[in-house]
Amino acid sequence: MTDDKDVLRDVWFGRIPTCFTLYQDEITEREAEPYYLLLPRVSYLTLVTDKVKKHFQKVMRQEDISEIWFEYEGTPLKWHYPIGLLFDLLASSSALPWNIIVHFKSFPEKDLLHCPSKDAIEAHFMSCVKEADALKHKSQVINEMQKKDHKQLWMGLQNDRFDQFWAINRKLMEYPAEENGFRYIPFRIYQTTTERPFIQKLFRPVAADGQLHTLGDLLKEVCPSALAPEARLQTVDLQRRLHFMCKKTPGKRSEACSEPFMT
């Protein structure tokens, strides 16, 4: 998998054309023009929207500005969900550009976590990486890395540097040939339901008889209704929403593999 560099690069550079519009009730000193941006699917909203924030703050009074947050068709967008995941969950059937509303007041405390700085995003990201490696390698790989390696992994994501990121991430994707795979496949199947936003459980890459498991095997075990004949249309939609904690290449579908793999 780590040799599929062309595929990984295509996934990494996946972009979503997006139009940011200031919420109509925000107080401005002059008209706020929309702001257009190609959002990287592999990143996080609060990590790549500094230009959006500065654009709208130019037409606002300082006393009317508080913490920025985003919503799509009435749904607040979780900053700790990768952009590709948010789009696939909420807007994959909508016409492009993706229309996101920008807010600077009335923060939805019940729906969103506060994001005081990029340090919070880094902490969340590294927590996901560590969780995935605990399942794959009993945390051996991530614990053997030096602090500078962790920083390079994060800076590669923050600065959208594919080679910088994958120079470290490839170590998280390797395993001895004799082991025939990871201990468990770290994955999450995200859902739009608020009661159980995602499904996550232990799943081995190899069956007891030595056969390699497929994506179909995983779905059959953790979400069998998705494979029922009468749910064929829903299955297509669900497959688009599978986000595997693996390559940290949120953007496309693939086999299960270090961080959320975002469609």
Protein backbone atom coordinates (compact mmCIF):
# COMPACT_ATOMS: atom_id res chain seq x y z
CA MET A 1 0.00 0.00 0.00
CA THR A 2 2.80 2.41 0.86
CA ASP A 3 4.09 1.93 -2.70
CA ASP A 4 0.87 3.24 -4.27
CA LYS A 5 2.27 6.75 -4.32
CA ASP A 6 0.27 7.99 -7.29
CA VAL A 7 -3.00 6.92 -5.67
CA LEU A 8 -1.99 8.39 -2.32
CA ARG A 9 -1.04 11.65 -4.01
CA ASP A 10 -4.36 11.85 -5.84
CA VAL A 11 -6.21 11.28 -2.58
CA TRP A 12 -4.10 13.85 -0.75
CA PHE A 13 -4.72 16.56 -3.31
CA GLY A 14 -8.49 16.04 -3.44
CA ARG A 15 -10.23 19.42 -3.16
CA ILE A 16 -13.81 20.62 -2.60
CA PRO A 17 -14.83 23.93 -4.24
CA THR A 18 -16.46 25.93 -1.45
CA CYS A 19 -18.28 29.24 -1.13
CA PHE A 20 -18.20 30.88 2.31
CA THR A 21 -20.96 33.39 3.05
CA LEU A 22 -21.34 35.50 6.17
CA TYR A 23 -24.51 34.82 8.14
CA GLN A 24 -27.17 37.42 7.29
CA ASP A 25 -27.65 38.55 10.90
CA GLU A 26 -23.99 39.34 11.49
CA ILE A 27 -23.42 43.09 11.87
CA THR A 28 -21.14 44.55 9.20
CA GLU A 29 -19.97 48.04 8.27
CA ARG A 30 -20.30 47.28 4.56
CA GLU A 31 -21.46 44.42 2.37
CA ALA A 32 -19.58 41.17 2.89
CA GLU A 33 -18.68 39.50 -0.38
CA PRO A 34 -18.61 35.67 -0.46
CA TYR A 35 -15.21 34.03 -0.25
CA TYR A 36 -14.29 31.08 -2.46
CA LEU A 37 -11.76 28.44 -1.53
CA LEU A 38 -10.67 24.97 -2.63
CA LEU A 39 -10.77 23.01 0.61
CA PRO A 40 -8.41 20.04 1.05
CA ARG A 41 -10.40 16.96 1.96
CA VAL A 42 -7.62 15.67 4.20
CA SER A 43 -7.55 18.67 6.53
CA TYR A 44 -9.78 20.36 9.12
CA LEU A 45 -11.94 23.46 8.66
CA THR A 46 -10.35 25.49 11.44
CA LEU A 47 -6.92 24.65 10.08
CA VAL A 48 -7.42 25.98 6.56
CA THR A 49 -9.83 28.91 6.95
CA ASP A 50 -7.58 31.70 8.27
CA LYS A 51 -8.10 33.58 4.99
CA VAL A 52 -11.87 33.21 5.33
CA LYS A 53 -11.76 34.61 8.86
CA LYS A 54 -9.63 37.60 7.82
CA HIS A 55 -11.81 38.28 4.79
CA PHE A 56 -15.00 38.72 6.82
CA GLN A 57 -13.39 40.44 9.79
CA LYS A 58 -12.46 43.30 7.46
CA VAL A 59 -16.11 44.36 7.22
CA MET A 60 -16.96 43.85 10.89
CA ARG A 61 -16.44 45.84 14.06
CA GLN A 62 -14.04 44.26 16.54
CA GLU A 63 -16.67 44.21 19.29
CA ASP A 64 -18.95 42.06 17.07
CA ILE A 65 -16.35 39.33 16.56
CA SER A 66 -16.07 36.26 18.74
CA GLU A 67 -15.14 32.66 17.98
CA ILE A 68 -15.71 31.68 14.36
CA TRP A 69 -17.86 28.66 13.51
CA PHE A 70 -19.42 27.23 10.39
CA GLU A 71 -22.72 25.67 9.41
CA TYR A 72 -24.27 24.01 6.41
CA GLU A 73 -28.03 24.11 5.93
CA GLY A 74 -28.61 24.62 9.64
CA THR A 75 -26.11 22.00 10.83
CA PRO A 76 -23.04 23.27 12.74
CA LEU A 77 -19.86 21.77 11.24
CA LYS A 78 -17.65 19.92 13.70
CA TRP A 79 -14.08 21.19 13.39
CA HIS A 80 -12.64 17.88 14.62
CA TYR A 81 -14.20 16.03 11.68
CA PRO A 82 -12.03 16.09 8.53
CA ILE A 83 -13.38 18.23 5.71
CA GLY A 84 -13.92 15.29 3.36
CA LEU A 85 -15.95 13.52 6.02
CA LEU A 86 -18.15 16.57 6.67
CA PHE A 87 -18.84 16.99 2.98
CA ASP A 88 -19.68 13.33 2.41
CA LEU A 89 -21.97 13.17 5.44
CA LEU A 90 -23.89 16.36 4.75
CA ALA A 91 -23.48 17.58 1.19
CA SER A 92 -22.28 14.85 -1.15
CA SER A 93 -25.50 14.99 -3.17
CA SER A 94 -25.50 18.79 -3.42
CA ALA A 95 -24.30 20.88 -6.33
CA LEU A 96 -20.89 22.49 -6.10
CA PRO A 97 -19.60 24.79 -4.80
CA TRP A 98 -20.32 23.68 -1.24
CA ASN A 99 -22.12 26.61 0.42
CA ILE A 100 -20.95 27.14 4.00
CA ILE A 101 -22.28 29.86 6.31
CA VAL A 102 -19.82 31.71 8.56
CA HIS A 103 -20.73 32.86 12.07
CA PHE A 104 -18.94 35.03 14.63
CA LYS A 105 -21.48 34.96 17.43
CA SER A 106 -24.08 32.68 19.08
CA PHE A 107 -21.63 29.77 19.32
CA PRO A 108 -23.67 26.49 19.49
CA GLU A 109 -22.31 25.16 22.78
CA LYS A 110 -24.41 22.00 22.68
CA ASP A 111 -23.30 21.02 19.18
CA LEU A 112 -19.66 22.04 18.85
CA LEU A 113 -16.43 21.85 20.80
CA HIS A 114 -14.49 25.09 21.17
CA CYS A 115 -11.29 25.32 19.16
CA PRO A 116 -9.13 27.88 20.98
CA SER A 117 -6.06 27.40 18.79
CA LYS A 118 -4.37 25.16 16.26
CA ASP A 119 -2.78 23.37 19.21
CA ALA A 120 -6.21 21.86 19.92
CA ILE A 121 -6.40 20.52 16.36
CA GLU A 122 -2.90 19.08 16.65
CA ALA A 123 -3.77 17.38 19.95
CA HIS A 124 -6.90 15.84 18.42
CA PHE A 125 -5.04 14.69 15.32
CA MET A 126 -2.20 13.07 17.27
CA SER A 127 -4.69 11.39 19.59
CA CYS A 128 -6.32 9.74 16.57
CA VAL A 129 -2.95 8.63 15.21
CA LYS A 130 -2.00 7.12 18.57
CA GLU A 131 -5.34 5.35 18.89
CA ALA A 132 -4.93 3.82 15.45
CA ASP A 133 -1.37 2.66 16.15
CA ALA A 134 -2.45 1.09 19.43
CA LEU A 135 -4.83 -1.09 17.42
CA LYS A 136 -2.37 -1.85 14.63
CA HIS A 137 0.99 -2.16 16.39
CA LYS A 138 0.25 -2.07 20.14
CA SER A 139 1.58 1.52 19.98
CA GLN A 140 5.10 0.26 19.24
CA VAL A 141 5.63 2.36 16.10
CA ILE A 142 4.34 5.66 17.44
CA ASN A 143 6.21 5.19 20.76
CA GLU A 144 9.49 4.51 18.95
CA MET A 145 9.20 7.75 17.00
CA GLN A 146 10.94 10.86 18.29
CA LYS A 147 9.10 14.06 19.08
CA LYS A 148 10.44 15.61 15.89
CA ASP A 149 8.79 12.81 13.90
CA HIS A 150 5.42 13.56 15.49
CA LYS A 151 5.94 17.23 14.67
CA GLN A 152 6.87 16.48 11.07
CA LEU A 153 3.72 14.38 10.66
CA TRP A 154 1.59 17.23 11.99
CA MET A 155 3.37 19.96 10.03
CA GLY A 156 2.98 17.95 6.86
CA LEU A 157 -0.78 17.97 7.36
CA GLN A 158 -0.96 21.59 8.51
CA ASN A 159 1.09 22.88 5.59
CA ASP A 160 -0.39 20.51 3.01
CA ARG A 161 2.99 18.89 2.28
CA PHE A 162 2.44 15.40 0.93
CA ASP A 163 6.09 14.22 0.96
CA GLN A 164 6.76 15.68 4.41
CA PHE A 165 3.72 13.88 5.82
CA TRP A 166 4.25 10.54 4.13
CA ALA A 167 7.94 10.35 5.04
CA ILE A 168 6.68 9.67 8.58
CA ASN A 169 3.24 8.21 7.98
CA ARG A 170 4.61 5.32 5.91
CA LYS A 171 6.17 3.93 9.11
CA LEU A 172 2.69 3.72 10.62
CA MET A 173 1.50 1.73 7.61
CA GLU A 174 4.19 -0.97 7.68
CA TYR A 175 4.12 -4.40 9.29
CA PRO A 176 6.41 -7.47 9.16
CA ALA A 177 5.52 -9.75 6.25
CA GLU A 178 5.24 -12.77 8.53
CA GLU A 179 2.46 -11.09 10.50
CA ASN A 180 0.26 -10.83 7.41
CA GLY A 181 -1.28 -7.55 8.46
CA PHE A 182 -2.05 -5.37 11.44
CA ARG A 183 -3.43 -6.68 14.74
CA TYR A 184 -6.71 -4.89 14.15
CA ILE A 185 -8.03 -2.60 11.42
CA PRO A 186 -8.71 0.85 12.92
CA PHE A 187 -11.90 2.13 11.34
CA ARG A 188 -14.97 4.21 11.97
CA ILE A 189 -18.21 4.16 10.03
CA TYR A 190 -19.75 7.60 10.47
CA GLN A 191 -23.50 8.10 10.48
CA THR A 192 -25.73 11.16 10.37
CA THR A 193 -27.64 9.99 13.45
CA THR A 194 -26.93 11.98 16.62
CA GLU A 195 -27.55 9.00 18.89
CA ARG A 196 -24.62 7.02 17.56
CA PRO A 197 -22.50 9.23 15.30
CA PHE A 198 -20.11 6.44 14.38
CA ILE A 199 -19.59 2.68 14.63
CA GLN A 200 -16.25 1.39 15.85
CA LYS A 201 -15.21 -2.06 17.07
CA LEU A 202 -12.28 -4.48 16.95
CA PHE A 203 -11.86 -6.13 13.57
CA ARG A 204 -8.95 -8.33 12.51
CA PRO A 205 -7.62 -8.17 8.93
CA VAL A 206 -7.34 -11.97 8.72
CA ALA A 207 -10.03 -14.55 9.46
CA ALA A 208 -9.49 -17.55 11.69
CA ASP A 209 -9.00 -19.74 8.60
CA GLY A 210 -6.26 -17.47 7.27
CA GLN A 211 -8.37 -15.75 4.62
CA LEU A 212 -7.92 -11.99 4.26
CA HIS A 213 -10.98 -10.01 5.23
CA THR A 214 -12.55 -7.62 2.73
CA LEU A 215 -14.53 -4.43 3.17
CA GLY A 216 -17.64 -6.50 2.57
CA ASP A 217 -16.71 -8.76 5.49
CA LEU A 218 -16.34 -5.74 7.74
CA LEU A 219 -19.71 -4.30 6.71
CA LYS A 220 -21.38 -7.68 7.11
CA GLU A 221 -20.17 -7.85 10.71
CA VAL A 222 -20.64 -4.28 11.93
CA CYS A 223 -23.42 -2.97 9.68
CA PRO A 224 -25.19 -5.91 8.00
CA SER A 225 -28.26 -3.89 7.03
CA ALA A 226 -26.10 -1.96 4.57
CA LEU A 227 -25.62 -5.11 2.51
CA ALA A 228 -29.26 -6.16 2.31
CA PRO A 229 -30.60 -6.22 -1.30
CA GLU A 230 -33.34 -3.74 -0.48
CA ALA A 231 -30.73 -1.34 0.91
CA ARG A 232 -28.57 -1.21 -2.21
CA LEU A 233 -28.92 2.53 -2.66
CA GLN A 234 -28.16 3.13 0.99
CA THR A 235 -25.10 0.90 0.66
CA VAL A 236 -23.66 3.07 -2.07
CA ASP A 237 -24.18 6.10 0.15
CA LEU A 238 -22.69 4.35 3.18
CA GLN A 239 -19.59 3.28 1.30
CA ARG A 240 -18.94 6.90 0.44
CA ARG A 241 -19.02 7.68 4.16
CA LEU A 242 -16.57 5.05 5.35
CA HIS A 243 -13.67 6.79 7.01
CA PHE A 244 -10.84 4.52 7.97
CA MET A 245 -8.35 5.37 10.66
CA CYS A 246 -5.43 4.46 8.52
CA LYS A 247 -3.49 6.51 6.00
CA LYS A 248 -4.48 9.95 7.17
CA THR A 249 -5.38 10.52 3.59
CA PRO A 250 -8.99 11.50 4.11
CA GLY A 251 -10.40 11.68 0.72
CA LYS A 252 -11.16 8.38 -1.00
CA ARG A 253 -12.44 4.90 -0.38
CA SER A 254 -9.97 2.08 0.04
CA GLU A 255 -9.16 -1.02 2.00
CA ALA A 256 -8.97 -0.60 5.73
CA CYS A 257 -5.66 0.64 6.98
CA SER A 258 -3.04 5.36 10.95
CA GLU A 259 -5.79 8.13 11.30
CA PRO A 260 -9.20 8.66 9.83
CA PHE A 261 -9.22 7.69 6.17
CA MET A 262 -11.68 10.18 4.80
CA THR A 263 -13.68 9.57 1.74
